[in-house]
Amino acid sequence: MRTLGVFLFETKIKIFENVLQDEPKEIDINPANFLEKLGAEVLRKFEGVFEKSEIVYVPTPGWDCISHEDFHIDVFPYRSGFTEDYLIKTLRRKNENRQYYRILGVYPGTIWFKTNYDLVPHINGTSESDIAIISLQTIFENDNDKLLNDSSNVVSHELGHTFGLSHHGDCVMSQGNKKPLFCHKCLIKLHKIADS
């Protein structure tokens, strides 16, 4: 069965109105309700590629268990977060027996990635082989419906990369996720890979 595993990294959900504010304002979302809606929206956009989605909660380690290579403490405390490598490695361990066809990690904080010289925050998400991860903090919207819509666009884009789709301007695979759905060519590629 082609199941999409939707993994929420369990930290206190904080999504900030403006990352430049000294005292950012929090918005509350119900994680289970949000993830259920996000999974349903992704299934709809992938048009039969996934047969179902399943929500899994992943505890994040306490401060005393975190290596400085895995966690970046930013000058803006609310931009502190785990590195891309750490999050992907954690999700890969959760799917060692390959029960999930693809994995989506939903992380409330900022995802950092390593360059040759420094750590840099991701814009919205990232992907590697069969794993996609999004940062709710960088997708922040004041409106929960808009947050769900924008998150599902980023998720579709990043999961599209896990199927080998590249950037182009005709659909959700555009670099700004300007369009909410896959184009006909991308859907054909997705189904061809899923059915092989």
C-alpha atoms as a PDB file:
ATOM      1  CA  MET A   1       0.000   0.000   0.000  1.00  0.00           C
ATOM      2  CA  ARG A   2       1.352   3.447  -0.920  1.00  0.00           C
ATOM      3  CA  THR A   3       1.090   5.224   2.428  1.00  0.00           C
ATOM      4  CA  LEU A   4       2.296   8.765   3.093  1.00  0.00           C
ATOM      5  CA  GLY A   5       3.699   8.956   6.633  1.00  0.00           C
ATOM      6  CA  VAL A   6       3.062  12.435   8.061  1.00  0.00           C
ATOM      7  CA  PHE A   7       5.474  12.903  10.964  1.00  0.00           C
ATOM      8  CA  LEU A   8       5.081  15.809  13.376  1.00  0.00           C
ATOM      9  CA  PHE A   9       8.171  16.676  15.373  1.00  0.00           C
ATOM     10  CA  GLU A  10       6.643  17.225  18.813  1.00  0.00           C
ATOM     11  CA  THR A  11       7.816  20.514  20.136  1.00  0.00           C
ATOM     12  CA  LYS A  12       5.524  23.206  21.417  1.00  0.00           C
ATOM     13  CA  ILE A  13       3.845  24.485  18.237  1.00  0.00           C
ATOM     14  CA  LYS A  14       4.851  28.095  17.776  1.00  0.00           C
ATOM     15  CA  ILE A  15       4.242  29.928  14.559  1.00  0.00           C
ATOM     16  CA  PHE A  16       5.256  33.545  14.622  1.00  0.00           C
ATOM     17  CA  GLU A  17       3.564  36.520  13.019  1.00  0.00           C
ATOM     18  CA  ASN A  18       6.814  38.210  12.064  1.00  0.00           C
ATOM     19  CA  VAL A  19      10.306  36.779  12.591  1.00  0.00           C
ATOM     20  CA  LEU A  20      11.730  40.304  12.916  1.00  0.00           C
ATOM     21  CA  GLN A  21       9.616  41.275  15.933  1.00  0.00           C
ATOM     22  CA  ASP A  22      11.334  41.336  19.316  1.00  0.00           C
ATOM     23  CA  GLU A  23       8.319  39.656  20.907  1.00  0.00           C
ATOM     24  CA  PRO A  24       6.647  37.606  18.179  1.00  0.00           C
ATOM     25  CA  LYS A  25       2.993  36.738  18.592  1.00  0.00           C
ATOM     26  CA  GLU A  26       1.997  33.069  18.671  1.00  0.00           C
ATOM     27  CA  ILE A  27      -0.922  31.565  16.796  1.00  0.00           C
ATOM     28  CA  ASP A  28      -2.538  28.385  18.064  1.00  0.00           C
ATOM     29  CA  ILE A  29      -3.323  25.455  15.814  1.00  0.00           C
ATOM     30  CA  ASN A  30      -4.626  22.032  16.718  1.00  0.00           C
ATOM     31  CA  PRO A  31      -1.788  19.773  15.479  1.00  0.00           C
ATOM     32  CA  ALA A  32      -3.893  16.610  14.970  1.00  0.00           C
ATOM     33  CA  ASN A  33      -6.637  18.482  13.116  1.00  0.00           C
ATOM     34  CA  PHE A  34      -4.129  20.425  11.007  1.00  0.00           C
ATOM     35  CA  LEU A  35      -2.148  17.286  10.058  1.00  0.00           C
ATOM     36  CA  GLU A  36      -5.311  15.368   9.186  1.00  0.00           C
ATOM     37  CA  LYS A  37      -6.416  18.184   6.860  1.00  0.00           C
ATOM     38  CA  LEU A  38      -2.895  18.525   5.412  1.00  0.00           C
ATOM     39  CA  GLY A  39      -2.713  14.784   4.686  1.00  0.00           C
ATOM     40  CA  ALA A  40      -6.148  14.856   2.998  1.00  0.00           C
ATOM     41  CA  GLU A  41      -5.179  17.864   0.872  1.00  0.00           C
ATOM     42  CA  VAL A  42      -1.934  16.208  -0.249  1.00  0.00           C
ATOM     43  CA  LEU A  43      -3.796  12.987  -1.163  1.00  0.00           C
ATOM     44  CA  ARG A  44      -6.192  15.091  -3.256  1.00  0.00           C
ATOM     45  CA  LYS A  45      -3.380  16.919  -5.079  1.00  0.00           C
ATOM     46  CA  PHE A  46      -1.500  13.693  -5.844  1.00  0.00           C
ATOM     47  CA  GLU A  47      -4.633  12.190  -7.422  1.00  0.00           C
ATOM     48  CA  GLY A  48      -4.275   8.540  -6.418  1.00  0.00           C
ATOM     49  CA  VAL A  49      -0.485   8.303  -6.079  1.00  0.00           C
ATOM     50  CA  PHE A  50      -0.898   7.812  -2.312  1.00  0.00           C
ATOM     51  CA  GLU A  51      -3.609   5.482  -1.051  1.00  0.00           C
ATOM     52  CA  LYS A  52      -3.721   6.918   2.463  1.00  0.00           C
ATOM     53  CA  SER A  53      -1.862   9.114   4.930  1.00  0.00           C
ATOM     54  CA  GLU A  54      -0.957   8.210   8.485  1.00  0.00           C
ATOM     55  CA  ILE A  55      -0.018  10.660  11.244  1.00  0.00           C
ATOM     56  CA  VAL A  56       2.955   9.787  13.468  1.00  0.00           C
ATOM     57  CA  TYR A  57       4.306  11.868  16.350  1.00  0.00           C
ATOM     58  CA  VAL A  58       8.072  12.076  16.790  1.00  0.00           C
ATOM     59  CA  PRO A  59       9.405  13.386  20.110  1.00  0.00           C
ATOM     60  CA  THR A  60      12.340  15.733  19.795  1.00  0.00           C
ATOM     61  CA  PRO A  61      15.212  15.249  22.262  1.00  0.00           C
ATOM     62  CA  GLY A  62      15.795  17.445  25.280  1.00  0.00           C
ATOM     63  CA  TRP A  63      18.501  20.103  25.261  1.00  0.00           C
ATOM     64  CA  ASP A  64      20.902  17.855  27.161  1.00  0.00           C
ATOM     65  CA  CYS A  65      20.788  15.237  24.353  1.00  0.00           C
ATOM     66  CA  ILE A  66      21.363  17.555  21.390  1.00  0.00           C
ATOM     67  CA  SER A  67      24.715  17.920  19.661  1.00  0.00           C
ATOM     68  CA  HIS A  68      25.691  21.459  18.648  1.00  0.00           C
ATOM     69  CA  GLU A  69      26.055  20.069  15.118  1.00  0.00           C
ATOM     70  CA  ASP A  70      22.356  19.077  15.100  1.00  0.00           C
ATOM     71  CA  PHE A  71      20.794  22.184  16.623  1.00  0.00           C
ATOM     72  CA  HIS A  72      21.439  25.820  15.749  1.00  0.00           C
ATOM     73  CA  ILE A  73      20.798  28.514  18.321  1.00  0.00           C
ATOM     74  CA  ASP A  74      20.066  31.735  16.466  1.00  0.00           C
ATOM     75  CA  VAL A  75      20.321  35.312  17.733  1.00  0.00           C
ATOM     76  CA  PHE A  76      16.528  35.378  17.362  1.00  0.00           C
ATOM     77  CA  PRO A  77      15.566  32.557  19.785  1.00  0.00           C
ATOM     78  CA  TYR A  78      12.412  31.732  17.829  1.00  0.00           C
ATOM     79  CA  ARG A  79      14.560  30.991  14.753  1.00  0.00           C
ATOM     80  CA  SER A  80      16.600  28.360  16.567  1.00  0.00           C
ATOM     81  CA  GLY A  81      16.024  24.871  15.229  1.00  0.00           C
ATOM     82  CA  PHE A  82      17.339  21.539  14.030  1.00  0.00           C
ATOM     83  CA  THR A  83      19.524  21.002  10.996  1.00  0.00           C
ATOM     84  CA  GLU A  84      18.162  19.415   7.838  1.00  0.00           C
ATOM     85  CA  ASP A  85      20.596  16.487   8.257  1.00  0.00           C
ATOM     86  CA  TYR A  86      19.383  15.719  11.774  1.00  0.00           C
ATOM     87  CA  LEU A  87      15.677  15.834  10.829  1.00  0.00           C
ATOM     88  CA  ILE A  88      16.168  13.643   7.739  1.00  0.00           C
ATOM     89  CA  LYS A  89      18.303  11.146   9.698  1.00  0.00           C
ATOM     90  CA  THR A  90      15.607  10.965  12.404  1.00  0.00           C
ATOM     91  CA  LEU A  91      12.841  10.338   9.835  1.00  0.00           C
ATOM     92  CA  ARG A  92      14.918   7.743   7.986  1.00  0.00           C
ATOM     93  CA  ARG A  93      15.324   5.767  11.243  1.00  0.00           C
ATOM     94  CA  LYS A  94      11.530   5.878  11.730  1.00  0.00           C
ATOM     95  CA  ASN A  95      11.058   4.189   8.338  1.00  0.00           C
ATOM     96  CA  GLU A  96      13.756   1.506   8.540  1.00  0.00           C
ATOM     97  CA  ASN A  97      11.286  -1.266   7.755  1.00  0.00           C
ATOM     98  CA  ARG A  98       9.938   0.754   4.789  1.00  0.00           C
ATOM     99  CA  GLN A  99       6.280   0.781   5.829  1.00  0.00           C
ATOM    100  CA  TYR A 100       5.842   4.260   4.312  1.00  0.00           C
ATOM    101  CA  TYR A 101       6.060   4.912   0.583  1.00  0.00           C
ATOM    102  CA  ARG A 102       7.054   8.527   1.224  1.00  0.00           C
ATOM    103  CA  ILE A 103       7.610  10.496   4.413  1.00  0.00           C
ATOM    104  CA  LEU A 104       6.609  14.058   5.181  1.00  0.00           C
ATOM    105  CA  GLY A 105       8.189  15.682   8.219  1.00  0.00           C
ATOM    106  CA  VAL A 106       6.379  18.690   9.682  1.00  0.00           C
ATOM    107  CA  TYR A 107       8.658  20.754  11.896  1.00  0.00           C
ATOM    108  CA  PRO A 108       7.324  23.748  13.869  1.00  0.00           C
ATOM    109  CA  GLY A 109      10.697  25.552  14.000  1.00  0.00           C
ATOM    110  CA  THR A 110      13.307  26.742  11.525  1.00  0.00           C
ATOM    111  CA  ILE A 111      15.130  24.092   9.478  1.00  0.00           C
ATOM    112  CA  TRP A 112      18.833  24.895   9.062  1.00  0.00           C
ATOM    113  CA  PHE A 113      21.159  23.462   6.432  1.00  0.00           C
ATOM    114  CA  LYS A 114      24.934  23.355   6.365  1.00  0.00           C
ATOM    115  CA  THR A 115      26.953  25.104   3.688  1.00  0.00           C
ATOM    116  CA  ASN A 116      30.737  24.867   3.427  1.00  0.00           C
ATOM    117  CA  TYR A 117      31.070  27.862   5.741  1.00  0.00           C
ATOM    118  CA  ASP A 118      27.949  28.335   7.801  1.00  0.00           C
ATOM    119  CA  LEU A 119      24.406  27.286   8.684  1.00  0.00           C
ATOM    120  CA  VAL A 120      21.613  28.897   6.662  1.00  0.00           C
ATOM    121  CA  PRO A 121      17.847  28.784   7.328  1.00  0.00           C
ATOM    122  CA  HIS A 122      15.677  27.042   4.710  1.00  0.00           C
ATOM    123  CA  ILE A 123      12.946  29.097   3.132  1.00  0.00           C
ATOM    124  CA  ASN A 124      10.023  26.659   3.489  1.00  0.00           C
ATOM    125  CA  GLY A 125      11.121  23.063   3.055  1.00  0.00           C
ATOM    126  CA  THR A 126      13.560  20.536   1.706  1.00  0.00           C
ATOM    127  CA  SER A 127      13.639  16.983   0.374  1.00  0.00           C
ATOM    128  CA  GLU A 128      16.024  14.069  -0.004  1.00  0.00           C
ATOM    129  CA  SER A 129      15.251  10.742  -1.735  1.00  0.00           C
ATOM    130  CA  ASP A 130      11.882   9.617  -0.242  1.00  0.00           C
ATOM    131  CA  ILE A 131      11.657  12.253   2.532  1.00  0.00           C
ATOM    132  CA  ALA A 132      10.273  15.790   2.422  1.00  0.00           C
ATOM    133  CA  ILE A 133      10.286  18.218   5.352  1.00  0.00           C
ATOM    134  CA  ILE A 134       8.506  21.540   5.797  1.00  0.00           C
ATOM    135  CA  SER A 135       8.935  24.279   8.388  1.00  0.00           C
ATOM    136  CA  LEU A 136       5.635  25.674   9.639  1.00  0.00           C
ATOM    137  CA  GLN A 137       7.425  28.679  11.084  1.00  0.00           C
ATOM    138  CA  THR A 138       8.654  29.929   7.712  1.00  0.00           C
ATOM    139  CA  ILE A 139       5.294  29.286   6.016  1.00  0.00           C
ATOM    140  CA  PHE A 140       3.453  31.216   8.747  1.00  0.00           C
ATOM    141  CA  GLU A 141       0.099  32.766   7.942  1.00  0.00           C
ATOM    142  CA  ASN A 142      -2.314  34.561  10.301  1.00  0.00           C
ATOM    143  CA  ASP A 143      -5.178  32.533   8.915  1.00  0.00           C
ATOM    144  CA  ASN A 144      -5.304  28.768   9.570  1.00  0.00           C
ATOM    145  CA  ASP A 145      -6.968  28.070   6.192  1.00  0.00           C
ATOM    146  CA  LYS A 146      -4.239  30.019   4.387  1.00  0.00           C
ATOM    147  CA  LEU A 147      -1.587  28.198   6.453  1.00  0.00           C
ATOM    148  CA  LEU A 148      -3.117  24.875   5.371  1.00  0.00           C
ATOM    149  CA  ASN A 149      -3.262  25.969   1.720  1.00  0.00           C
ATOM    150  CA  ASP A 150       0.315  27.311   1.650  1.00  0.00           C
ATOM    151  CA  SER A 151       1.635  24.291   3.575  1.00  0.00           C
ATOM    152  CA  SER A 152      -0.035  21.856   1.155  1.00  0.00           C
ATOM    153  CA  ASN A 153       1.583  23.705  -1.775  1.00  0.00           C
ATOM    154  CA  VAL A 154       5.045  23.473  -0.187  1.00  0.00           C
ATOM    155  CA  VAL A 155       4.459  19.807   0.749  1.00  0.00           C
ATOM    156  CA  SER A 156       3.331  18.951  -2.807  1.00  0.00           C
ATOM    157  CA  HIS A 157       6.383  20.725  -4.233  1.00  0.00           C
ATOM    158  CA  GLU A 158       8.867  18.985  -1.904  1.00  0.00           C
ATOM    159  CA  LEU A 159       7.214  15.565  -2.287  1.00  0.00           C
ATOM    160  CA  GLY A 160       7.281  16.139  -6.063  1.00  0.00           C
ATOM    161  CA  HIS A 161      11.083  16.306  -5.808  1.00  0.00           C
ATOM    162  CA  THR A 162      11.075  12.884  -4.103  1.00  0.00           C
ATOM    163  CA  PHE A 163       9.590  11.519  -7.345  1.00  0.00           C
ATOM    164  CA  GLY A 164      12.287  13.204  -9.448  1.00  0.00           C
ATOM    165  CA  LEU A 165      10.211  16.197 -10.582  1.00  0.00           C
ATOM    166  CA  SER A 166      12.238  19.322 -11.271  1.00  0.00           C
ATOM    167  CA  HIS A 167      11.350  23.015 -11.115  1.00  0.00           C
ATOM    168  CA  HIS A 168       9.301  24.509 -13.930  1.00  0.00           C
ATOM    169  CA  GLY A 169       6.747  27.304 -14.161  1.00  0.00           C
ATOM    170  CA  ASP A 170       3.581  25.416 -15.099  1.00  0.00           C
ATOM    171  CA  CYS A 171       2.431  24.000 -11.754  1.00  0.00           C
ATOM    172  CA  VAL A 172       3.144  23.554  -8.041  1.00  0.00           C
ATOM    173  CA  MET A 173       6.707  22.628  -9.078  1.00  0.00           C
ATOM    174  CA  SER A 174       7.436  26.302  -9.878  1.00  0.00           C
ATOM    175  CA  GLN A 175      10.067  27.787  -7.579  1.00  0.00           C
ATOM    176  CA  GLY A 176       7.579  29.963  -5.753  1.00  0.00           C
ATOM    177  CA  ASN A 177       4.813  27.340  -5.580  1.00  0.00           C
ATOM    178  CA  LYS A 178       2.679  29.885  -7.452  1.00  0.00           C
ATOM    179  CA  LYS A 179       0.164  27.337  -8.696  1.00  0.00           C
ATOM    180  CA  PRO A 180      -1.570  24.942  -6.295  1.00  0.00           C
ATOM    181  CA  LEU A 181      -1.796  21.806  -8.459  1.00  0.00           C
ATOM    182  CA  PHE A 182       0.436  19.562 -10.547  1.00  0.00           C
ATOM    183  CA  CYS A 183       0.308  20.036 -14.304  1.00  0.00           C
ATOM    184  CA  HIS A 184      -0.751  17.143 -16.549  1.00  0.00           C
ATOM    185  CA  LYS A 185       2.874  16.220 -17.434  1.00  0.00           C
ATOM    186  CA  CYS A 186       3.901  16.029 -13.771  1.00  0.00           C
ATOM    187  CA  LEU A 187       0.851  13.910 -12.859  1.00  0.00           C
ATOM    188  CA  ILE A 188       1.724  11.465 -15.643  1.00  0.00           C
ATOM    189  CA  LYS A 189       5.309  11.191 -14.294  1.00  0.00           C
ATOM    190  CA  LEU A 190       4.056  10.739 -10.716  1.00  0.00           C
ATOM    191  CA  HIS A 191       1.683   7.930 -11.689  1.00  0.00           C
ATOM    192  CA  LYS A 192       4.282   6.264 -13.900  1.00  0.00           C
ATOM    193  CA  ILE A 193       6.752   6.111 -11.001  1.00  0.00           C
ATOM    194  CA  ALA A 194       4.098   5.079  -8.466  1.00  0.00           C
ATOM    195  CA  ASP A 195       2.811   2.279 -10.719  1.00  0.00           C
ATOM    196  CA  SER A 196       6.271   0.878 -11.537  1.00  0.00           C
END
